[in-house]
Amino acid sequence: MKVLRARQPSIGIVLAPVRVQGDGAAREIAGAIERFDRYGGVDLLIIGRGGGALEDLWAFNEEVVVRAIAACRLPIISAVGHEVDVTLSDFAADLRAATPSNAAELAVPSGTETAQRIAQWRDRLERATRLAAAGRRRRLEALTGRYGFRRQEEVLGHLQQRVDVLLDRLHDAVRSLMQRARERLGHITSLYGLREWPRVLEIRRGGLDDLREHLDTTVVQAVLAHRTRALALADRLRHSRHGGPRARLLPRAPCGRYLRARRRDAGGRGESHHRVRAREADARVEQTRPGGKDGA
């Protein structure tokens, strides 16, 4: 643990405490290896213990442990005992370490060594990049120095001159067109009709407002007059229904003279006439009949 933390402080460590000697130790070691294989959250597996007698290390010679190491998909470093101690697990593992500390050194590179190695790779990459760029630059210069490329530069230079001339002509034409349009607009705005047009619009707008007010007043008056006539007619109809004075029609002769009712006086010596006031109506007398006492 100390060696791992010293070489790489940011490393993650997962431990599986098991018995490494005695009855049942082999099965616990094999079970831990199988669990790590299913877990899949580690990159490397170190199997080891400190030194001891042959009987103490015998669990790493058991078939169940050797088969578990061989079937594991993870890389395994075997670090059992000291350098002189050899077990069957050392042959089944991917790598054998002399001691558990040596296994930690093999498994985790030093941070300082890693930084130095990265710096070396960076320097090598920079040198390779500079050399490649220099080689490609020399090749490009050699290609552009040939006659065909010089001829292309001359052709493109002539075309560039034509483009510059056309751009100048275009700018002059646009400036001339804008100047003529500006002068024409100034001439149009200087005309009397256009100068007076805002005032004419204001006068027309004022007349339109007056006409609108007059129309509103006329409509209101007409509505009031029709309402007054309707009320008067309703009042007459109401009086006629309750025995009040009745409206009578007064016939008119073809010559235009109104026909008046006649009645004799008390002595029967003469006739007197009286006028009946009524509204005019277009009518024609088809038949007459004797009237009442008042000659109606």
Protein backbone atom coordinates (compact mmCIF):
# COMPACT_ATOMS: atom_id res chain seq x y z
CA MET A 1 0.00 0.00 0.00
CA LYS A 2 2.78 2.43 0.93
CA VAL A 3 4.70 1.71 -2.24
CA LEU A 4 1.60 2.18 -4.41
CA ARG A 5 0.68 5.51 -2.81
CA ALA A 6 4.25 6.75 -3.01
CA ARG A 7 4.57 5.98 -6.71
CA GLN A 8 1.13 7.19 -7.75
CA PRO A 9 -0.90 9.12 -5.12
CA SER A 10 -4.04 9.28 -7.28
CA ILE A 11 -4.31 5.52 -7.87
CA GLY A 12 -7.42 3.64 -6.74
CA ILE A 13 -6.96 0.47 -4.71
CA VAL A 14 -9.57 -2.25 -4.05
CA LEU A 15 -8.76 -4.88 -1.40
CA ALA A 16 -10.24 -8.35 -0.84
CA PRO A 17 -9.20 -9.63 2.62
CA VAL A 18 -8.95 -13.44 2.67
CA ARG A 19 -7.06 -16.07 4.61
CA VAL A 20 -3.74 -16.98 2.95
CA GLN A 21 -2.95 -20.12 4.95
CA GLY A 22 -4.78 -22.85 6.83
CA ASP A 23 -7.91 -24.81 6.07
CA GLY A 24 -10.24 -23.13 3.54
CA ALA A 25 -7.67 -20.50 2.53
CA ALA A 26 -7.39 -21.83 -1.04
CA ARG A 27 -11.16 -21.61 -1.63
CA GLU A 28 -11.29 -18.04 -0.26
CA ILE A 29 -8.41 -16.99 -2.55
CA ALA A 30 -10.09 -18.59 -5.58
CA GLY A 31 -13.45 -16.96 -4.69
CA ALA A 32 -11.85 -13.51 -4.42
CA ILE A 33 -10.22 -13.93 -7.86
CA GLU A 34 -13.58 -14.90 -9.40
CA ARG A 35 -15.34 -11.90 -7.77
CA PHE A 36 -12.74 -9.48 -9.15
CA ASP A 37 -13.13 -11.04 -12.58
CA ARG A 38 -16.91 -10.46 -12.47
CA TYR A 39 -16.52 -6.98 -10.98
CA GLY A 40 -14.58 -5.61 -13.93
CA GLY A 41 -13.81 -2.32 -12.21
CA VAL A 42 -10.05 -2.84 -11.89
CA ASP A 43 -7.24 -2.93 -14.43
CA LEU A 44 -4.81 -5.26 -12.66
CA LEU A 45 -4.88 -7.95 -9.94
CA ILE A 46 -2.00 -8.64 -7.51
CA ILE A 47 -2.12 -11.94 -5.62
CA GLY A 48 0.41 -12.23 -2.84
CA ARG A 49 1.42 -12.54 0.79
CA GLY A 50 4.56 -12.25 2.91
CA GLY A 51 7.22 -14.91 3.27
CA GLY A 52 6.88 -18.09 5.34
CA ALA A 53 7.48 -21.80 5.46
CA LEU A 54 6.43 -24.09 2.62
CA GLU A 55 3.40 -25.21 4.60
CA ASP A 56 2.33 -21.56 5.05
CA LEU A 57 2.51 -20.93 1.29
CA TRP A 58 0.84 -24.19 0.30
CA ALA A 59 -2.60 -22.55 -0.37
CA PHE A 60 -1.09 -20.97 -3.54
CA ASN A 61 -0.19 -24.45 -4.76
CA GLU A 62 -3.78 -25.73 -4.59
CA GLU A 63 -5.49 -26.65 -7.88
CA VAL A 64 -8.53 -24.47 -7.21
CA VAL A 65 -6.31 -21.35 -6.93
CA VAL A 66 -4.24 -22.20 -9.99
CA ARG A 67 -7.36 -22.81 -12.10
CA ALA A 68 -8.95 -19.55 -10.90
CA ILE A 69 -5.80 -17.60 -11.89
CA ALA A 70 -5.70 -19.25 -15.32
CA ALA A 71 -9.41 -18.55 -15.98
CA CYS A 72 -9.31 -14.91 -14.89
CA ARG A 73 -9.57 -12.34 -17.70
CA LEU A 74 -7.65 -9.66 -15.76
CA PRO A 75 -3.85 -9.37 -15.85
CA ILE A 76 -2.46 -10.98 -12.67
CA ILE A 77 0.87 -10.46 -10.89
CA SER A 78 1.85 -13.24 -8.49
CA ALA A 79 3.83 -12.02 -5.44
CA VAL A 80 3.94 -14.88 -2.96
CA GLY A 81 6.66 -14.93 -0.30
CA HIS A 82 10.21 -13.88 -1.06
CA GLU A 83 12.29 -14.21 -4.20
CA VAL A 84 13.43 -17.73 -3.27
CA ASP A 85 9.85 -18.93 -2.72
CA VAL A 86 8.23 -20.50 -5.79
CA THR A 87 4.59 -21.65 -6.05
CA LEU A 88 2.33 -22.94 -8.84
CA SER A 89 0.51 -19.59 -8.82
CA ASP A 90 3.69 -17.97 -10.17
CA PHE A 91 3.46 -20.13 -13.29
CA ALA A 92 -0.28 -19.54 -13.85
CA ALA A 93 -0.05 -15.76 -13.43
CA ASP A 94 0.87 -13.30 -16.19
CA LEU A 95 3.88 -11.97 -14.26
CA ARG A 96 5.86 -13.05 -11.19
CA ALA A 97 7.23 -10.56 -8.70
CA ALA A 98 9.92 -11.31 -6.15
CA THR A 99 8.00 -9.65 -3.32
CA PRO A 100 4.68 -7.79 -2.87
CA SER A 101 6.62 -4.49 -2.89
CA ASN A 102 8.25 -5.46 -6.16
CA ALA A 103 4.76 -6.28 -7.53
CA ALA A 104 3.61 -2.75 -6.63
CA GLU A 105 6.62 -1.28 -8.47
CA LEU A 106 5.87 -3.41 -11.53
CA ALA A 107 2.17 -2.62 -11.50
CA VAL A 108 2.30 1.18 -11.01
CA PRO A 109 4.91 3.40 -12.65
CA SER A 110 6.39 6.25 -10.68
CA GLY A 111 4.81 9.65 -11.16
CA THR A 112 8.20 11.22 -11.75
CA GLU A 113 9.09 8.61 -14.31
CA THR A 114 5.74 9.09 -16.04
CA ALA A 115 6.25 12.86 -16.24
CA GLN A 116 9.75 12.39 -17.66
CA ARG A 117 8.51 9.91 -20.20
CA ILE A 118 5.71 12.27 -21.30
CA ALA A 119 8.24 15.10 -21.65
CA GLN A 120 10.44 12.89 -23.81
CA TRP A 121 7.52 11.95 -26.02
CA ARG A 122 6.55 15.63 -26.36
CA ASP A 123 10.08 16.58 -27.43
CA ARG A 124 10.19 13.75 -29.94
CA LEU A 125 6.79 14.77 -31.34
CA GLU A 126 7.85 18.42 -31.68
CA ARG A 127 11.07 17.47 -33.47
CA ALA A 128 9.22 15.13 -35.80
CA THR A 129 6.64 17.83 -36.57
CA ARG A 130 9.30 20.45 -37.32
CA LEU A 131 11.23 18.10 -39.56
CA ALA A 132 8.09 17.07 -41.44
CA ALA A 133 7.03 20.72 -41.92
CA ALA A 134 10.49 21.72 -43.12
CA GLY A 135 10.56 18.83 -45.61
CA ARG A 136 7.13 19.69 -47.00
CA ARG A 137 8.09 23.36 -47.23
CA ARG A 138 11.19 22.54 -49.26
CA ARG A 139 9.16 20.31 -51.54
CA LEU A 140 6.55 23.03 -52.06
CA GLU A 141 9.21 25.62 -52.86
CA ALA A 142 10.74 23.26 -55.38
CA LEU A 143 7.41 22.72 -57.08
CA THR A 144 6.49 26.41 -57.19
CA GLY A 145 9.90 27.27 -58.60
CA ARG A 146 9.24 25.33 -61.79
CA TYR A 147 8.26 27.05 -65.04
CA GLY A 148 4.68 25.87 -65.01
CA PHE A 149 3.93 27.50 -61.68
CA ARG A 150 5.67 30.75 -62.72
CA ARG A 151 3.52 30.82 -65.85
CA GLN A 152 0.41 30.38 -63.73
CA GLU A 153 1.45 33.31 -61.55
CA GLU A 154 1.81 35.51 -64.65
CA VAL A 155 -1.63 34.46 -65.93
CA LEU A 156 -3.23 35.03 -62.55
CA GLY A 157 -1.49 38.40 -62.24
CA HIS A 158 -2.96 39.52 -65.58
CA LEU A 159 -6.41 38.37 -64.49
CA GLN A 160 -6.00 40.19 -61.19
CA GLN A 161 -5.25 43.41 -63.07
CA ARG A 162 -8.41 42.97 -65.13
CA VAL A 163 -10.43 42.37 -61.98
CA ASP A 164 -9.02 45.55 -60.42
CA VAL A 165 -9.92 47.57 -63.52
CA LEU A 166 -13.45 46.19 -63.60
CA LEU A 167 -13.92 46.93 -59.90
CA ASP A 168 -12.82 50.53 -60.42
CA ARG A 169 -15.25 50.90 -63.32
CA LEU A 170 -18.04 49.39 -61.24
CA HIS A 171 -17.38 51.79 -58.37
CA ASP A 172 -17.39 54.77 -60.75
CA ALA A 173 -20.65 53.63 -62.35
CA VAL A 174 -22.33 53.19 -58.97
CA ARG A 175 -21.18 56.62 -57.79
CA SER A 176 -22.43 58.22 -61.03
CA LEU A 177 -25.78 56.46 -60.77
CA MET A 178 -26.22 57.54 -57.16
CA GLN A 179 -25.32 61.13 -58.05
CA ARG A 180 -27.91 61.23 -60.87
CA ALA A 181 -30.54 59.71 -58.63
CA ARG A 182 -29.76 62.27 -55.92
CA GLU A 183 -30.04 65.14 -58.40
CA ARG A 184 -33.33 63.83 -59.78
CA LEU A 185 -34.77 63.47 -56.33
CA GLY A 186 -33.72 67.01 -55.48
CA HIS A 187 -35.38 68.30 -58.67
CA ILE A 188 -38.60 66.47 -57.90
CA THR A 189 -38.71 67.73 -54.33
CA SER A 190 -38.15 71.28 -55.56
CA LEU A 191 -41.33 71.22 -57.69
CA TYR A 192 -44.22 73.35 -56.40
CA GLY A 193 -46.76 70.58 -56.36
CA LEU A 194 -44.63 68.35 -54.22
CA ARG A 195 -43.79 71.18 -51.83
CA GLU A 196 -47.44 72.14 -51.51
CA TRP A 197 -48.68 68.59 -51.21
CA PRO A 198 -48.34 68.40 -47.39
CA ARG A 199 -50.38 71.60 -47.03
CA VAL A 200 -53.03 70.31 -49.46
CA LEU A 201 -53.27 67.09 -47.52
CA GLU A 202 -53.73 69.04 -44.31
CA ILE A 203 -56.53 71.13 -45.87
CA ARG A 204 -58.25 68.03 -47.24
CA ARG A 205 -57.94 66.37 -43.88
CA GLY A 206 -59.55 69.38 -42.18
CA GLY A 207 -62.41 69.41 -44.70
CA LEU A 208 -62.93 65.72 -44.16
CA ASP A 209 -63.19 66.28 -40.42
CA ASP A 210 -65.76 69.07 -40.93
CA LEU A 211 -67.77 66.88 -43.30
CA ARG A 212 -67.72 64.06 -40.78
CA GLU A 213 -69.00 66.36 -38.01
CA HIS A 214 -71.75 67.75 -40.31
CA LEU A 215 -72.79 64.21 -41.29
CA ASP A 216 -72.96 63.15 -37.66
CA THR A 217 -75.10 66.20 -36.80
CA THR A 218 -77.43 65.60 -39.76
CA VAL A 219 -77.89 61.97 -38.90
CA VAL A 220 -78.65 62.80 -35.29
CA GLN A 221 -81.17 65.46 -36.29
CA ALA A 222 -82.86 63.14 -38.77
CA VAL A 223 -83.13 60.41 -36.17
CA LEU A 224 -84.59 62.86 -33.65
CA ALA A 225 -87.10 64.16 -36.21
CA HIS A 226 -88.25 60.65 -37.12
CA ARG A 227 -88.50 59.83 -33.44
CA THR A 228 -90.62 62.94 -32.80
CA ARG A 229 -92.95 62.09 -35.70
CA ALA A 230 -93.26 58.53 -34.53
CA LEU A 231 -94.12 59.66 -31.02
CA ALA A 232 -96.73 62.11 -32.35
CA LEU A 233 -98.31 59.43 -34.54
CA ALA A 234 -98.37 57.01 -31.63
CA ASP A 235 -100.04 59.67 -29.48
CA ARG A 236 -102.76 60.30 -32.13
CA LEU A 237 -103.40 56.60 -32.50
CA ARG A 238 -103.73 56.29 -28.74
CA HIS A 239 -106.28 59.17 -28.64
CA SER A 240 -108.26 57.72 -31.53
CA ARG A 241 -108.59 54.38 -29.76
CA HIS A 242 -109.96 56.07 -26.63
CA GLY A 243 -112.62 58.12 -28.44
CA GLY A 244 -110.56 61.20 -29.04
CA PRO A 245 -110.60 63.28 -32.18
CA ARG A 246 -110.33 61.17 -35.29
CA ALA A 247 -108.24 61.93 -38.28
CA ARG A 248 -110.35 62.20 -41.42
CA LEU A 249 -109.42 62.13 -45.05
CA LEU A 250 -110.45 65.08 -47.18
CA PRO A 251 -111.04 64.14 -50.84
CA ARG A 252 -109.83 66.48 -53.57
CA ALA A 253 -111.39 67.05 -56.99
CA PRO A 254 -109.40 66.48 -60.19
CA CYS A 255 -109.12 70.25 -60.57
CA GLY A 256 -107.20 70.35 -57.29
CA ARG A 257 -110.00 71.92 -55.13
CA TYR A 258 -110.83 70.17 -51.86
CA LEU A 259 -114.38 68.84 -51.50
CA ARG A 260 -116.16 70.13 -48.42
CA ALA A 261 -119.09 68.63 -46.58
CA ARG A 262 -122.39 70.50 -46.89
CA ARG A 263 -125.24 70.85 -44.44
CA ARG A 264 -128.44 72.85 -44.38
CA ASP A 265 -129.16 75.42 -41.73
CA ALA A 266 -131.98 75.08 -39.32
CA GLY A 267 -134.54 76.86 -41.54
CA GLY A 268 -133.56 74.97 -44.65
CA ARG A 269 -133.10 78.22 -46.48
CA GLY A 270 -129.53 77.92 -47.43
CA GLU A 271 -126.36 75.78 -47.15
CA SER A 272 -123.28 76.45 -45.13
CA HIS A 273 -119.85 74.98 -45.64
CA HIS A 274 -117.19 74.03 -43.12
CA ARG A 275 -113.67 72.84 -43.64
CA VAL A 276 -112.33 69.61 -42.24
CA ARG A 277 -108.62 69.70 -41.53
CA ALA A 278 -106.86 66.45 -42.40
CA ARG A 279 -103.69 65.12 -43.84
CA GLU A 280 -103.48 64.75 -47.58
CA ALA A 281 -103.67 61.28 -49.05
CA ASP A 282 -103.76 59.94 -52.59
CA ALA A 283 -107.30 58.49 -52.96
CA ARG A 284 -110.17 58.27 -55.45
CA VAL A 285 -113.90 58.34 -54.57
CA GLU A 286 -115.57 55.21 -55.90
CA GLN A 287 -118.84 55.39 -53.98
CA THR A 288 -120.66 57.82 -51.62
CA ARG A 289 -123.20 57.17 -48.88
CA PRO A 290 -125.22 59.39 -46.51
CA GLY A 291 -123.21 60.57 -43.60
CA GLY A 292 -124.08 61.15 -39.97
CA LYS A 293 -125.43 64.27 -38.30
CA ASP A 294 -122.22 66.15 -38.90
CA GLY A 295 -122.33 65.24 -42.65
CA ALA A 296 -119.25 63.00 -42.40
